Amino acid sequence: MAPKSTEKNPPAGSKVMFIGVDLGTNHTAISTSDGKKNSIFSVVGTPKDAVASKFLKKEHLFGEEALTHRVALNLFKPIEDGVLKNQPEEIDAAKGLIEHVLNSVDGTRS
């Protein structure tokens, strides 16, 4: 019987990259099996109003960039005492933060 193509058995010729993410209270860190690493503050910012949105030209800012523009942003720290906060906006912020760190090491799927 031939083995099924699963995550443990990738298709022939494909390269496997392992990714480790630490979503921490203070910093979020990522490391890949091909040596890429990044660490940012675990902060996500969204513009407070339309003026801030036009000025920033982004709907989400992460880490140091969010702290730099904190006056114009609603800030979210989705992890508290090592646990993900259970409010919808905090969960969305955590999802965005993970996506951002994945993009920072080219770890997204194509």
N, C-alpha and C. Protein backbone atom coordinates (compact mmCIF):
# COMPACT_ATOMS: atom_id res chain seq x y z
N MET A 1 0.84 -1.16 0.00
CA MET A 1 0.00 0.00 0.00
C MET A 1 0.90 1.24 0.00
N ALA A 2 0.64 2.19 -0.89
CA ALA A 2 1.44 3.42 -0.99
C ALA A 2 1.05 4.39 0.12
N PRO A 3 2.04 5.09 0.70
CA PRO A 3 1.70 6.04 1.76
C PRO A 3 0.92 7.23 1.20
N LYS A 4 0.02 7.75 2.02
CA LYS A 4 -0.76 8.92 1.63
C LYS A 4 0.12 10.15 1.70
N SER A 5 -0.22 11.16 0.91
CA SER A 5 0.48 12.44 0.97
C SER A 5 -0.14 13.24 2.10
N THR A 6 0.56 13.34 3.22
CA THR A 6 0.10 14.09 4.38
C THR A 6 1.17 15.09 4.75
N GLU A 7 0.91 15.84 5.82
CA GLU A 7 1.91 16.79 6.29
C GLU A 7 3.20 16.08 6.69
N LYS A 8 3.10 14.85 7.18
CA LYS A 8 4.28 14.11 7.56
C LYS A 8 5.02 13.56 6.34
N ASN A 9 4.29 13.36 5.25
CA ASN A 9 4.88 12.86 4.01
C ASN A 9 4.58 13.86 2.89
N PRO A 10 5.39 14.93 2.76
CA PRO A 10 5.11 15.92 1.72
C PRO A 10 5.31 15.33 0.33
N PRO A 11 4.71 15.94 -0.68
CA PRO A 11 4.89 15.45 -2.04
C PRO A 11 6.36 15.43 -2.43
N ALA A 12 6.72 14.49 -3.29
CA ALA A 12 8.12 14.34 -3.73
C ALA A 12 8.60 15.64 -4.36
N GLY A 13 9.82 16.02 -4.03
CA GLY A 13 10.43 17.22 -4.60
C GLY A 13 10.11 18.50 -3.86
N SER A 14 9.20 18.46 -2.89
CA SER A 14 8.90 19.68 -2.14
C SER A 14 9.85 19.82 -0.96
N LYS A 15 10.08 21.05 -0.56
CA LYS A 15 10.97 21.32 0.55
C LYS A 15 10.14 21.61 1.79
N VAL A 16 10.54 21.06 2.90
CA VAL A 16 9.83 21.26 4.16
C VAL A 16 10.56 22.32 4.97
N MET A 17 9.80 23.28 5.49
CA MET A 17 10.37 24.28 6.38
C MET A 17 9.60 24.21 7.70
N PHE A 18 10.34 24.08 8.79
CA PHE A 18 9.73 24.07 10.11
C PHE A 18 9.76 25.48 10.66
N ILE A 19 8.67 25.88 11.31
CA ILE A 19 8.55 27.23 11.84
C ILE A 19 8.16 27.13 13.31
N GLY A 20 8.87 27.88 14.15
CA GLY A 20 8.52 27.96 15.55
C GLY A 20 8.12 29.39 15.88
N VAL A 21 6.98 29.56 16.53
CA VAL A 21 6.48 30.89 16.90
C VAL A 21 6.24 30.91 18.40
N ASP A 22 6.76 31.94 19.06
CA ASP A 22 6.50 32.16 20.48
C ASP A 22 5.70 33.44 20.60
N LEU A 23 4.41 33.30 20.82
CA LEU A 23 3.52 34.45 20.99
C LEU A 23 3.55 34.81 22.46
N GLY A 24 4.41 35.76 22.81
CA GLY A 24 4.63 36.09 24.20
C GLY A 24 3.93 37.35 24.66
N THR A 25 3.89 37.55 25.97
CA THR A 25 3.26 38.73 26.56
C THR A 25 3.97 40.00 26.13
N ASN A 26 5.30 39.97 26.06
CA ASN A 26 6.07 41.16 25.72
C ASN A 26 6.56 41.14 24.28
N HIS A 27 7.11 40.04 23.84
CA HIS A 27 7.64 39.91 22.48
C HIS A 27 7.05 38.68 21.79
N THR A 28 6.94 38.77 20.48
CA THR A 28 6.59 37.62 19.66
C THR A 28 7.81 37.30 18.83
N ALA A 29 8.24 36.05 18.88
CA ALA A 29 9.45 35.63 18.18
C ALA A 29 9.12 34.50 17.21
N ILE A 30 9.89 34.46 16.13
CA ILE A 30 9.73 33.41 15.13
C ILE A 30 11.11 32.95 14.69
N SER A 31 11.22 31.67 14.42
CA SER A 31 12.46 31.10 13.93
C SER A 31 12.10 29.99 12.95
N THR A 32 12.87 29.90 11.85
CA THR A 32 12.60 28.87 10.85
C THR A 32 13.77 27.91 10.75
N SER A 33 13.51 26.75 10.20
CA SER A 33 14.55 25.75 10.06
C SER A 33 15.62 26.15 9.05
N ASP A 34 15.34 27.16 8.23
CA ASP A 34 16.38 27.63 7.30
C ASP A 34 17.14 28.84 7.84
N GLY A 35 17.01 29.11 9.16
CA GLY A 35 17.84 30.10 9.83
C GLY A 35 17.28 31.50 9.93
N LYS A 36 16.08 31.75 9.45
CA LYS A 36 15.50 33.10 9.55
C LYS A 36 14.90 33.27 10.94
N LYS A 37 15.11 34.47 11.51
CA LYS A 37 14.60 34.78 12.85
C LYS A 37 14.09 36.20 12.88
N ASN A 38 13.13 36.46 13.76
CA ASN A 38 12.63 37.81 13.98
C ASN A 38 11.95 37.85 15.33
N SER A 39 11.97 39.02 15.94
CA SER A 39 11.31 39.24 17.21
C SER A 39 10.76 40.66 17.22
N ILE A 40 9.49 40.82 17.58
CA ILE A 40 8.89 42.15 17.67
C ILE A 40 8.08 42.24 18.96
N PHE A 41 7.77 43.48 19.35
CA PHE A 41 6.89 43.67 20.50
C PHE A 41 5.52 43.10 20.17
N SER A 42 4.87 42.49 21.14
CA SER A 42 3.54 41.90 20.94
C SER A 42 2.46 42.96 21.08
N VAL A 43 2.49 43.92 20.17
CA VAL A 43 1.53 45.02 20.17
C VAL A 43 0.99 45.19 18.76
N VAL A 44 -0.33 45.38 18.66
CA VAL A 44 -0.99 45.62 17.38
C VAL A 44 -1.80 46.91 17.53
N GLY A 45 -1.69 47.77 16.53
CA GLY A 45 -2.43 49.02 16.55
C GLY A 45 -3.34 49.16 15.34
N THR A 46 -4.53 49.69 15.58
CA THR A 46 -5.45 50.02 14.49
C THR A 46 -5.79 51.50 14.60
N PRO A 47 -5.95 52.20 13.48
CA PRO A 47 -6.23 53.64 13.53
C PRO A 47 -7.50 53.94 14.33
N LYS A 48 -7.42 55.03 15.13
CA LYS A 48 -8.56 55.44 15.96
C LYS A 48 -9.70 56.01 15.13
N ASP A 49 -9.36 56.66 14.03
CA ASP A 49 -10.39 57.32 13.24
C ASP A 49 -9.95 57.43 11.78
N ALA A 50 -10.79 58.07 10.95
CA ALA A 50 -10.51 58.19 9.51
C ALA A 50 -9.27 59.05 9.25
N VAL A 51 -9.06 60.07 10.07
CA VAL A 51 -7.89 60.94 9.90
C VAL A 51 -6.61 60.14 10.13
N ALA A 52 -6.57 59.35 11.19
CA ALA A 52 -5.41 58.52 11.49
C ALA A 52 -5.20 57.48 10.39
N SER A 53 -6.28 56.93 9.88
CA SER A 53 -6.18 55.94 8.82
C SER A 53 -5.55 56.54 7.56
N LYS A 54 -5.99 57.74 7.19
CA LYS A 54 -5.42 58.41 6.01
C LYS A 54 -3.96 58.76 6.23
N PHE A 55 -3.62 59.22 7.42
CA PHE A 55 -2.24 59.61 7.73
C PHE A 55 -1.31 58.40 7.72
N LEU A 56 -1.74 57.31 8.34
CA LEU A 56 -0.89 56.12 8.48
C LEU A 56 -0.86 55.26 7.22
N LYS A 57 -1.94 55.32 6.43
CA LYS A 57 -2.06 54.55 5.19
C LYS A 57 -1.95 53.04 5.42
N LYS A 58 -2.30 52.60 6.62
CA LYS A 58 -2.31 51.18 6.96
C LYS A 58 -3.46 50.95 7.93
N GLU A 59 -4.01 49.75 7.88
CA GLU A 59 -5.08 49.40 8.81
C GLU A 59 -4.57 48.70 10.06
N HIS A 60 -3.35 48.18 10.01
CA HIS A 60 -2.74 47.52 11.16
C HIS A 60 -1.26 47.88 11.23
N LEU A 61 -0.79 48.22 12.40
CA LEU A 61 0.63 48.45 12.64
C LEU A 61 1.05 47.50 13.75
N PHE A 62 2.29 47.03 13.68
CA PHE A 62 2.76 46.01 14.61
C PHE A 62 4.04 46.44 15.29
N GLY A 63 4.23 45.97 16.51
CA GLY A 63 5.49 46.15 17.22
C GLY A 63 5.89 47.59 17.43
N GLU A 64 7.16 47.87 17.16
CA GLU A 64 7.74 49.20 17.38
C GLU A 64 7.00 50.28 16.58
N GLU A 65 6.58 49.95 15.36
CA GLU A 65 5.86 50.92 14.53
C GLU A 65 4.54 51.32 15.19
N ALA A 66 3.85 50.38 15.81
CA ALA A 66 2.61 50.68 16.52
C ALA A 66 2.88 51.57 17.73
N LEU A 67 3.96 51.29 18.44
CA LEU A 67 4.29 52.11 19.61
C LEU A 67 4.69 53.53 19.21
N THR A 68 5.36 53.66 18.08
CA THR A 68 5.76 54.98 17.60
C THR A 68 4.55 55.86 17.31
N HIS A 69 3.49 55.27 16.78
CA HIS A 69 2.28 56.02 16.39
C HIS A 69 1.13 55.79 17.36
N ARG A 70 1.43 55.45 18.60
CA ARG A 70 0.40 55.05 19.55
C ARG A 70 -0.68 56.09 19.79
N VAL A 71 -0.37 57.37 19.61
CA VAL A 71 -1.37 58.42 19.85
C VAL A 71 -2.52 58.31 18.86
N ALA A 72 -2.23 57.85 17.64
CA ALA A 72 -3.25 57.76 16.59
C ALA A 72 -3.91 56.38 16.53
N LEU A 73 -3.55 55.48 17.44
CA LEU A 73 -3.99 54.10 17.34
C LEU A 73 -4.76 53.61 18.56
N ASN A 74 -5.58 52.62 18.32
CA ASN A 74 -6.11 51.78 19.39
C ASN A 74 -5.12 50.63 19.50
N LEU A 75 -4.48 50.48 20.66
CA LEU A 75 -3.46 49.45 20.83
C LEU A 75 -4.05 48.21 21.49
N PHE A 76 -3.58 47.06 21.00
CA PHE A 76 -3.98 45.77 21.56
C PHE A 76 -2.74 44.99 21.92
N LYS A 77 -2.74 44.44 23.12
CA LYS A 77 -1.71 43.49 23.55
C LYS A 77 -2.47 42.19 23.79
N PRO A 78 -2.53 41.32 22.78
CA PRO A 78 -3.44 40.17 22.85
C PRO A 78 -3.09 39.09 23.86
N ILE A 79 -1.86 39.13 24.38
CA ILE A 79 -1.46 38.12 25.37
C ILE A 79 -1.27 38.79 26.72
N GLU A 80 -1.87 38.20 27.75
CA GLU A 80 -1.71 38.72 29.11
C GLU A 80 -1.41 37.56 30.04
N ASP A 81 -0.31 37.66 30.77
CA ASP A 81 0.12 36.60 31.68
C ASP A 81 0.25 35.25 30.95
N GLY A 82 0.70 35.31 29.70
CA GLY A 82 0.94 34.10 28.93
C GLY A 82 -0.30 33.47 28.32
N VAL A 83 -1.44 34.16 28.40
CA VAL A 83 -2.70 33.60 27.90
C VAL A 83 -3.34 34.58 26.91
N LEU A 84 -3.89 34.05 25.83
CA LEU A 84 -4.59 34.87 24.86
C LEU A 84 -5.87 35.41 25.47
N LYS A 85 -6.05 36.73 25.37
CA LYS A 85 -7.28 37.34 25.89
C LYS A 85 -8.46 36.85 25.06
N ASN A 86 -9.63 36.75 25.69
CA ASN A 86 -10.78 36.12 25.04
C ASN A 86 -11.82 37.15 24.56
N GLN A 87 -11.35 38.24 23.95
CA GLN A 87 -12.25 39.19 23.31
C GLN A 87 -11.99 39.12 21.80
N PRO A 88 -13.03 39.28 20.99
CA PRO A 88 -12.86 39.15 19.54
C PRO A 88 -11.76 40.05 18.95
N GLU A 89 -11.67 41.29 19.42
CA GLU A 89 -10.64 42.20 18.87
C GLU A 89 -9.23 41.76 19.26
N GLU A 90 -9.08 41.17 20.43
CA GLU A 90 -7.77 40.66 20.86
C GLU A 90 -7.38 39.41 20.07
N ILE A 91 -8.35 38.56 19.78
CA ILE A 91 -8.09 37.36 18.98
C ILE A 91 -7.71 37.76 17.56
N ASP A 92 -8.42 38.74 16.99
CA ASP A 92 -8.07 39.24 15.65
C ASP A 92 -6.68 39.86 15.65
N ALA A 93 -6.33 40.57 16.72
CA ALA A 93 -5.00 41.17 16.82
C ALA A 93 -3.93 40.07 16.87
N ALA A 94 -4.18 39.00 17.60
CA ALA A 94 -3.22 37.89 17.68
C ALA A 94 -3.06 37.23 16.31
N LYS A 95 -4.15 37.04 15.59
CA LYS A 95 -4.07 36.46 14.24
C LYS A 95 -3.23 37.34 13.33
N GLY A 96 -3.47 38.65 13.38
CA GLY A 96 -2.70 39.58 12.57
C GLY A 96 -1.24 39.59 12.94
N LEU A 97 -0.95 39.49 14.23
CA LEU A 97 0.43 39.47 14.71
C LEU A 97 1.16 38.23 14.20
N ILE A 98 0.51 37.10 14.26
CA ILE A 98 1.13 35.86 13.77
C ILE A 98 1.37 35.95 12.26
N GLU A 99 0.38 36.45 11.54
CA GLU A 99 0.53 36.60 10.09
C GLU A 99 1.68 37.56 9.76
N HIS A 100 1.80 38.62 10.54
CA HIS A 100 2.87 39.60 10.33
C HIS A 100 4.26 38.98 10.54
N VAL A 101 4.42 38.22 11.62
CA VAL A 101 5.74 37.62 11.84
C VAL A 101 6.04 36.52 10.82
N LEU A 102 5.02 35.81 10.36
CA LEU A 102 5.22 34.83 9.29
C LEU A 102 5.71 35.53 8.02
N ASN A 103 5.08 36.64 7.67
CA ASN A 103 5.49 37.41 6.49
C ASN A 103 6.90 37.95 6.65
N SER A 104 7.30 38.25 7.87
CA SER A 104 8.63 38.84 8.09
C SER A 104 9.77 37.86 7.79
N VAL A 105 9.46 36.57 7.78
CA VAL A 105 10.49 35.57 7.45
C VAL A 105 10.12 34.79 6.19
N ASP A 106 9.23 35.34 5.39
CA ASP A 106 8.76 34.70 4.16
C ASP A 106 8.24 33.30 4.42
N GLY A 107 7.47 33.16 5.51
CA GLY A 107 6.99 31.84 5.90
C GLY A 107 5.56 31.56 5.50
N THR A 108 4.97 32.40 4.63
CA THR A 108 3.59 32.16 4.25
C THR A 108 3.55 31.14 3.12
N ARG A 109 2.42 30.52 2.99
CA ARG A 109 2.23 29.56 1.91
C ARG A 109 2.00 30.30 0.60
N SER A 110 2.42 29.69 -0.49
CA SER A 110 2.16 30.31 -1.79
C SER A 110 0.95 29.68 -2.44
